């Protein structure tokens, strides 16, 4: 069975730069890309806590 795609969207969270990026794919791809984006664009630190928070915010993508 194929793994379900996950999605996370910056529009779900208030930010100073009003980011509209949405990321979808396999869970680990989304987490890696979301962490990279959060660090580079939003000044976050790559910590286990950030990764855990992002993982809890994932939703199933509507394909």
PDB file of N, CA and C in Angstrom:
ATOM      1  N   UNK A   1       0.846  -1.197   0.000  1.00  0.00           N
ATOM      2  CA  UNK A   1       0.000   0.000   0.000  1.00  0.00           C
ATOM      3  C   UNK A   1       0.880   1.245   0.000  1.00  0.00           C
ATOM      4  N   UNK A   2       0.537   2.195  -0.819  1.00  0.00           N
ATOM      5  CA  UNK A   2       1.303   3.427  -0.941  1.00  0.00           C
ATOM      6  C   UNK A   2       1.094   4.339   0.273  1.00  0.00           C
ATOM      7  N   UNK A   3       2.187   4.937   0.712  1.00  0.00           N
ATOM      8  CA  UNK A   3       2.122   5.850   1.854  1.00  0.00           C
ATOM      9  C   UNK A   3       1.294   7.086   1.493  1.00  0.00           C
ATOM     10  N   UNK A   4       0.437   7.505   2.403  1.00  0.00           N
ATOM     11  CA  UNK A   4      -0.395   8.687   2.175  1.00  0.00           C
ATOM     12  C   UNK A   4       0.460   9.938   2.199  1.00  0.00           C
ATOM     13  N   UNK A   5       0.145  10.865   1.296  1.00  0.00           N
ATOM     14  CA  UNK A   5       0.856  12.140   1.260  1.00  0.00           C
ATOM     15  C   UNK A   5       0.395  13.005   2.424  1.00  0.00           C
ATOM     16  N   UNK A   6       1.332  13.772   2.955  1.00  0.00           N
ATOM     17  CA  UNK A   6       1.062  14.706   4.051  1.00  0.00           C
ATOM     18  C   UNK A   6       1.266  16.123   3.541  1.00  0.00           C
ATOM     19  N   UNK A   7       0.689  17.082   4.250  1.00  0.00           N
ATOM     20  CA  UNK A   7       0.825  18.484   3.864  1.00  0.00           C
ATOM     21  C   UNK A   7       0.967  19.348   5.109  1.00  0.00           C
ATOM     22  N   UNK A   8       1.723  20.428   4.963  1.00  0.00           N
ATOM     23  CA  UNK A   8       1.810  21.474   5.973  1.00  0.00           C
ATOM     24  C   UNK A   8       1.830  22.794   5.215  1.00  0.00           C
ATOM     25  N   UNK A   9       1.219  23.818   5.765  1.00  0.00           N
ATOM     26  CA  UNK A   9       1.022  25.077   5.047  1.00  0.00           C
ATOM     27  C   UNK A   9       1.324  26.250   5.973  1.00  0.00           C
ATOM     28  N   UNK A  10       2.218  27.129   5.560  1.00  0.00           N
ATOM     29  CA  UNK A  10       2.574  28.295   6.383  1.00  0.00           C
ATOM     30  C   UNK A  10       1.374  29.208   6.644  1.00  0.00           C
ATOM     31  N   UNK A  11       0.391  29.170   5.780  1.00  0.00           N
ATOM     32  CA  UNK A  11      -0.786  30.035   5.977  1.00  0.00           C
ATOM     33  C   UNK A  11      -1.570  29.647   7.224  1.00  0.00           C
ATOM     34  N   UNK A  12      -1.321  28.445   7.758  1.00  0.00           N
ATOM     35  CA  UNK A  12      -2.003  28.007   8.980  1.00  0.00           C
ATOM     36  C   UNK A  12      -1.458  28.713  10.205  1.00  0.00           C
ATOM     37  N   UNK A  13      -0.329  29.417  10.058  1.00  0.00           N
ATOM     38  CA  UNK A  13       0.356  30.032  11.191  1.00  0.00           C
ATOM     39  C   UNK A  13       0.632  31.495  10.897  1.00  0.00           C
ATOM     40  N   UNK A  14       0.382  32.368  11.847  1.00  0.00           N
ATOM     41  CA  UNK A  14       0.688  33.786  11.615  1.00  0.00           C
ATOM     42  C   UNK A  14       2.200  33.986  11.537  1.00  0.00           C
ATOM     43  N   UNK A  15       2.629  34.822  10.601  1.00  0.00           N
ATOM     44  CA  UNK A  15       4.056  35.143  10.508  1.00  0.00           C
ATOM     45  C   UNK A  15       4.211  36.574  10.022  1.00  0.00           C
ATOM     46  N   UNK A  16       5.325  37.161  10.384  1.00  0.00           N
ATOM     47  CA  UNK A  16       5.587  38.555  10.012  1.00  0.00           C
ATOM     48  C   UNK A  16       5.690  38.724   8.498  1.00  0.00           C
ATOM     49  N   UNK A  17       6.210  37.711   7.808  1.00  0.00           N
ATOM     50  CA  UNK A  17       6.382  37.847   6.364  1.00  0.00           C
ATOM     51  C   UNK A  17       5.203  37.315   5.552  1.00  0.00           C
ATOM     52  N   UNK A  18       4.125  36.921   6.221  1.00  0.00           N
ATOM     53  CA  UNK A  18       2.894  36.454   5.568  1.00  0.00           C
ATOM     54  C   UNK A  18       3.172  35.360   4.525  1.00  0.00           C
ATOM     55  N   UNK A  19       3.985  34.401   4.929  1.00  0.00           N
ATOM     56  CA  UNK A  19       4.402  33.307   4.055  1.00  0.00           C
ATOM     57  C   UNK A  19       3.197  32.468   3.620  1.00  0.00           C
ATOM     58  N   UNK A  20       3.215  32.022   2.375  1.00  0.00           N
ATOM     59  CA  UNK A  20       2.113  31.217   1.840  1.00  0.00           C
ATOM     60  C   UNK A  20       2.571  29.847   1.332  1.00  0.00           C
ATOM     61  N   UNK A  21       3.781  29.440   1.706  1.00  0.00           N
ATOM     62  CA  UNK A  21       4.316  28.176   1.218  1.00  0.00           C
ATOM     63  C   UNK A  21       3.531  26.989   1.760  1.00  0.00           C
ATOM     64  N   UNK A  22       3.218  26.039   0.879  1.00  0.00           N
ATOM     65  CA  UNK A  22       2.622  24.761   1.269  1.00  0.00           C
ATOM     66  C   UNK A  22       3.554  23.656   0.778  1.00  0.00           C
ATOM     67  N   UNK A  23       3.751  22.648   1.604  1.00  0.00           N
ATOM     68  CA  UNK A  23       4.655  21.548   1.281  1.00  0.00           C
ATOM     69  C   UNK A  23       3.861  20.252   1.387  1.00  0.00           C
ATOM     70  N   UNK A  24       3.981  19.381   0.378  1.00  0.00           N
ATOM     71  CA  UNK A  24       3.311  18.082   0.462  1.00  0.00           C
ATOM     72  C   UNK A  24       4.236  17.000  -0.066  1.00  0.00           C
ATOM     73  N   UNK A  25       4.026  15.804   0.439  1.00  0.00           N
ATOM     74  CA  UNK A  25       4.817  14.650   0.032  1.00  0.00           C
ATOM     75  C   UNK A  25       4.777  13.599   1.125  1.00  0.00           C
ATOM     76  N   UNK A  26       5.742  12.679   1.076  1.00  0.00           N
ATOM     77  CA  UNK A  26       5.838  11.683   2.144  1.00  0.00           C
ATOM     78  C   UNK A  26       6.214  12.400   3.435  1.00  0.00           C
ATOM     79  N   UNK A  27       5.794  11.859   4.561  1.00  0.00           N
ATOM     80  CA  UNK A  27       5.964  12.531   5.849  1.00  0.00           C
ATOM     81  C   UNK A  27       7.398  13.004   6.089  1.00  0.00           C
ATOM     82  N   UNK A  28       8.373  12.146   5.905  1.00  0.00           N
ATOM     83  CA  UNK A  28       9.760  12.527   6.178  1.00  0.00           C
ATOM     84  C   UNK A  28      10.244  13.615   5.222  1.00  0.00           C
ATOM     85  N   UNK A  29       9.786  13.593   3.957  1.00  0.00           N
ATOM     86  CA  UNK A  29      10.144  14.652   3.005  1.00  0.00           C
ATOM     87  C   UNK A  29       9.580  15.991   3.468  1.00  0.00           C
ATOM     88  N   UNK A  30       8.339  15.978   3.910  1.00  0.00           N
ATOM     89  CA  UNK A  30       7.677  17.205   4.349  1.00  0.00           C
ATOM     90  C   UNK A  30       8.358  17.766   5.589  1.00  0.00           C
ATOM     91  N   UNK A  31       8.670  16.911   6.553  1.00  0.00           N
ATOM     92  CA  UNK A  31       9.321  17.380   7.775  1.00  0.00           C
ATOM     93  C   UNK A  31      10.675  17.996   7.446  1.00  0.00           C
ATOM     94  N   UNK A  32      11.494  17.313   6.653  1.00  0.00           N
ATOM     95  CA  UNK A  32      12.826  17.831   6.309  1.00  0.00           C
ATOM     96  C   UNK A  32      12.711  19.186   5.615  1.00  0.00           C
ATOM     97  N   UNK A  33      11.830  19.291   4.640  1.00  0.00           N
ATOM     98  CA  UNK A  33      11.674  20.530   3.889  1.00  0.00           C
ATOM     99  C   UNK A  33      11.081  21.634   4.759  1.00  0.00           C
ATOM    100  N   UNK A  34      10.119  21.286   5.605  1.00  0.00           N
ATOM    101  CA  UNK A  34       9.505  22.275   6.501  1.00  0.00           C
ATOM    102  C   UNK A  34      10.517  22.811   7.509  1.00  0.00           C
ATOM    103  N   UNK A  35      11.374  21.950   8.024  1.00  0.00           N
ATOM    104  CA  UNK A  35      12.410  22.393   8.960  1.00  0.00           C
ATOM    105  C   UNK A  35      13.384  23.322   8.240  1.00  0.00           C
ATOM    106  N   UNK A  36      13.847  22.914   7.060  1.00  0.00           N
ATOM    107  CA  UNK A  36      14.758  23.766   6.289  1.00  0.00           C
ATOM    108  C   UNK A  36      14.139  25.134   6.042  1.00  0.00           C
ATOM    109  N   UNK A  37      12.877  25.154   5.671  1.00  0.00           N
ATOM    110  CA  UNK A  37      12.164  26.412   5.404  1.00  0.00           C
ATOM    111  C   UNK A  37      12.025  27.246   6.676  1.00  0.00           C
ATOM    112  N   UNK A  38      11.649  26.607   7.769  1.00  0.00           N
ATOM    113  CA  UNK A  38      11.465  27.330   9.036  1.00  0.00           C
ATOM    114  C   UNK A  38      12.775  27.978   9.493  1.00  0.00           C
ATOM    115  N   UNK A  39      13.882  27.285   9.289  1.00  0.00           N
ATOM    116  CA  UNK A  39      15.190  27.813   9.685  1.00  0.00           C
ATOM    117  C   UNK A  39      15.595  28.980   8.783  1.00  0.00           C
ATOM    118  N   UNK A  40      15.514  28.778   7.467  1.00  0.00           N
ATOM    119  CA  UNK A  40      15.997  29.787   6.513  1.00  0.00           C
ATOM    120  C   UNK A  40      15.086  31.005   6.403  1.00  0.00           C
ATOM    121  N   UNK A  41      13.793  30.787   6.442  1.00  0.00           N
ATOM    122  CA  UNK A  41      12.855  31.879   6.165  1.00  0.00           C
ATOM    123  C   UNK A  41      12.210  32.483   7.411  1.00  0.00           C
ATOM    124  N   UNK A  42      12.163  31.717   8.503  1.00  0.00           N
ATOM    125  CA  UNK A  42      11.465  32.199   9.693  1.00  0.00           C
ATOM    126  C   UNK A  42      12.375  32.308  10.919  1.00  0.00           C
ATOM    127  N   UNK A  43      13.674  32.021  10.746  1.00  0.00           N
ATOM    128  CA  UNK A  43      14.623  32.203  11.834  1.00  0.00           C
ATOM    129  C   UNK A  43      14.517  31.211  12.972  1.00  0.00           C
ATOM    130  N   UNK A  44      13.857  30.079  12.723  1.00  0.00           N
ATOM    131  CA  UNK A  44      13.737  29.046  13.757  1.00  0.00           C
ATOM    132  C   UNK A  44      15.050  28.281  13.887  1.00  0.00           C
ATOM    133  N   UNK A  45      15.205  27.567  14.983  1.00  0.00           N
ATOM    134  CA  UNK A  45      16.350  26.679  15.208  1.00  0.00           C
ATOM    135  C   UNK A  45      15.908  25.249  14.919  1.00  0.00           C
ATOM    136  N   UNK A  46      16.781  24.475  14.275  1.00  0.00           N
ATOM    137  CA  UNK A  46      16.488  23.067  13.989  1.00  0.00           C
ATOM    138  C   UNK A  46      16.704  22.275  15.270  1.00  0.00           C
ATOM    139  N   UNK A  47      15.618  22.020  15.970  1.00  0.00           N
ATOM    140  CA  UNK A  47      15.666  21.279  17.228  1.00  0.00           C
ATOM    141  C   UNK A  47      14.695  20.101  17.163  1.00  0.00           C
ATOM    142  N   UNK A  48      14.881  19.118  18.038  1.00  0.00           N
ATOM    143  CA  UNK A  48      13.911  18.023  18.106  1.00  0.00           C
ATOM    144  C   UNK A  48      12.509  18.542  18.424  1.00  0.00           C
ATOM    145  N   UNK A  49      12.433  19.604  19.221  1.00  0.00           N
ATOM    146  CA  UNK A  49      11.123  20.170  19.562  1.00  0.00           C
ATOM    147  C   UNK A  49      10.427  20.738  18.330  1.00  0.00           C
ATOM    148  N   UNK A  50      11.177  21.444  17.478  1.00  0.00           N
ATOM    149  CA  UNK A  50      10.587  21.988  16.243  1.00  0.00           C
ATOM    150  C   UNK A  50      10.098  20.846  15.363  1.00  0.00           C
ATOM    151  N   UNK A  51      10.927  19.832  15.176  1.00  0.00           N
ATOM    152  CA  UNK A  51      10.531  18.692  14.336  1.00  0.00           C
ATOM    153  C   UNK A  51       9.277  18.003  14.884  1.00  0.00           C
ATOM    154  N   UNK A  52       9.217  17.849  16.194  1.00  0.00           N
ATOM    155  CA  UNK A  52       8.059  17.224  16.816  1.00  0.00           C
ATOM    156  C   UNK A  52       6.806  18.081  16.619  1.00  0.00           C
ATOM    157  N   UNK A  53       6.947  19.387  16.806  1.00  0.00           N
ATOM    158  CA  UNK A  53       5.813  20.291  16.609  1.00  0.00           C
ATOM    159  C   UNK A  53       5.305  20.227  15.172  1.00  0.00           C
ATOM    160  N   UNK A  54       6.217  20.258  14.216  1.00  0.00           N
ATOM    161  CA  UNK A  54       5.814  20.177  12.809  1.00  0.00           C
ATOM    162  C   UNK A  54       5.133  18.852  12.513  1.00  0.00           C
ATOM    163  N   UNK A  55       5.673  17.772  13.054  1.00  0.00           N
ATOM    164  CA  UNK A  55       5.076  16.450  12.814  1.00  0.00           C
ATOM    165  C   UNK A  55       3.626  16.395  13.304  1.00  0.00           C
ATOM    166  N   UNK A  56       3.349  17.045  14.428  1.00  0.00           N
ATOM    167  CA  UNK A  56       1.986  17.056  14.969  1.00  0.00           C
ATOM    168  C   UNK A  56       1.037  17.931  14.151  1.00  0.00           C
ATOM    169  N   UNK A  57       1.589  18.825  13.358  1.00  0.00           N
ATOM    170  CA  UNK A  57       0.751  19.730  12.572  1.00  0.00           C
ATOM    171  C   UNK A  57       0.438  19.211  11.168  1.00  0.00           C
ATOM    172  N   UNK A  58       1.068  18.109  10.777  1.00  0.00           N
ATOM    173  CA  UNK A  58       0.824  17.548   9.449  1.00  0.00           C
ATOM    174  C   UNK A  58      -0.631  17.104   9.300  1.00  0.00           C
ATOM    175  N   UNK A  59      -1.119  17.265   8.093  1.00  0.00           N
ATOM    176  CA  UNK A  59      -2.460  16.766   7.754  1.00  0.00           C
ATOM    177  C   UNK A  59      -2.334  15.878   6.521  1.00  0.00           C
ATOM    178  N   UNK A  60      -3.301  15.010   6.333  1.00  0.00           N
ATOM    179  CA  UNK A  60      -3.317  14.217   5.103  1.00  0.00           C
ATOM    180  C   UNK A  60      -3.649  15.120   3.936  1.00  0.00           C
ATOM    181  N   UNK A  61      -2.894  14.975   2.857  1.00  0.00           N
ATOM    182  CA  UNK A  61      -3.152  15.765   1.653  1.00  0.00           C
ATOM    183  C   UNK A  61      -4.387  15.246   0.963  1.00  0.00           C
ATOM    184  N   UNK A  62      -5.128  16.142   0.372  1.00  0.00           N
ATOM    185  CA  UNK A  62      -6.300  15.756  -0.425  1.00  0.00           C
ATOM    186  C   UNK A  62      -5.858  15.623  -1.861  1.00  0.00           C
ATOM    187  N   UNK A  63      -5.577  14.396  -2.268  1.00  0.00           N
ATOM    188  CA  UNK A  63      -5.097  14.150  -3.637  1.00  0.00           C
ATOM    189  C   UNK A  63      -6.203  14.196  -4.641  1.00  0.00           C
TER     190      UNK A  63
END
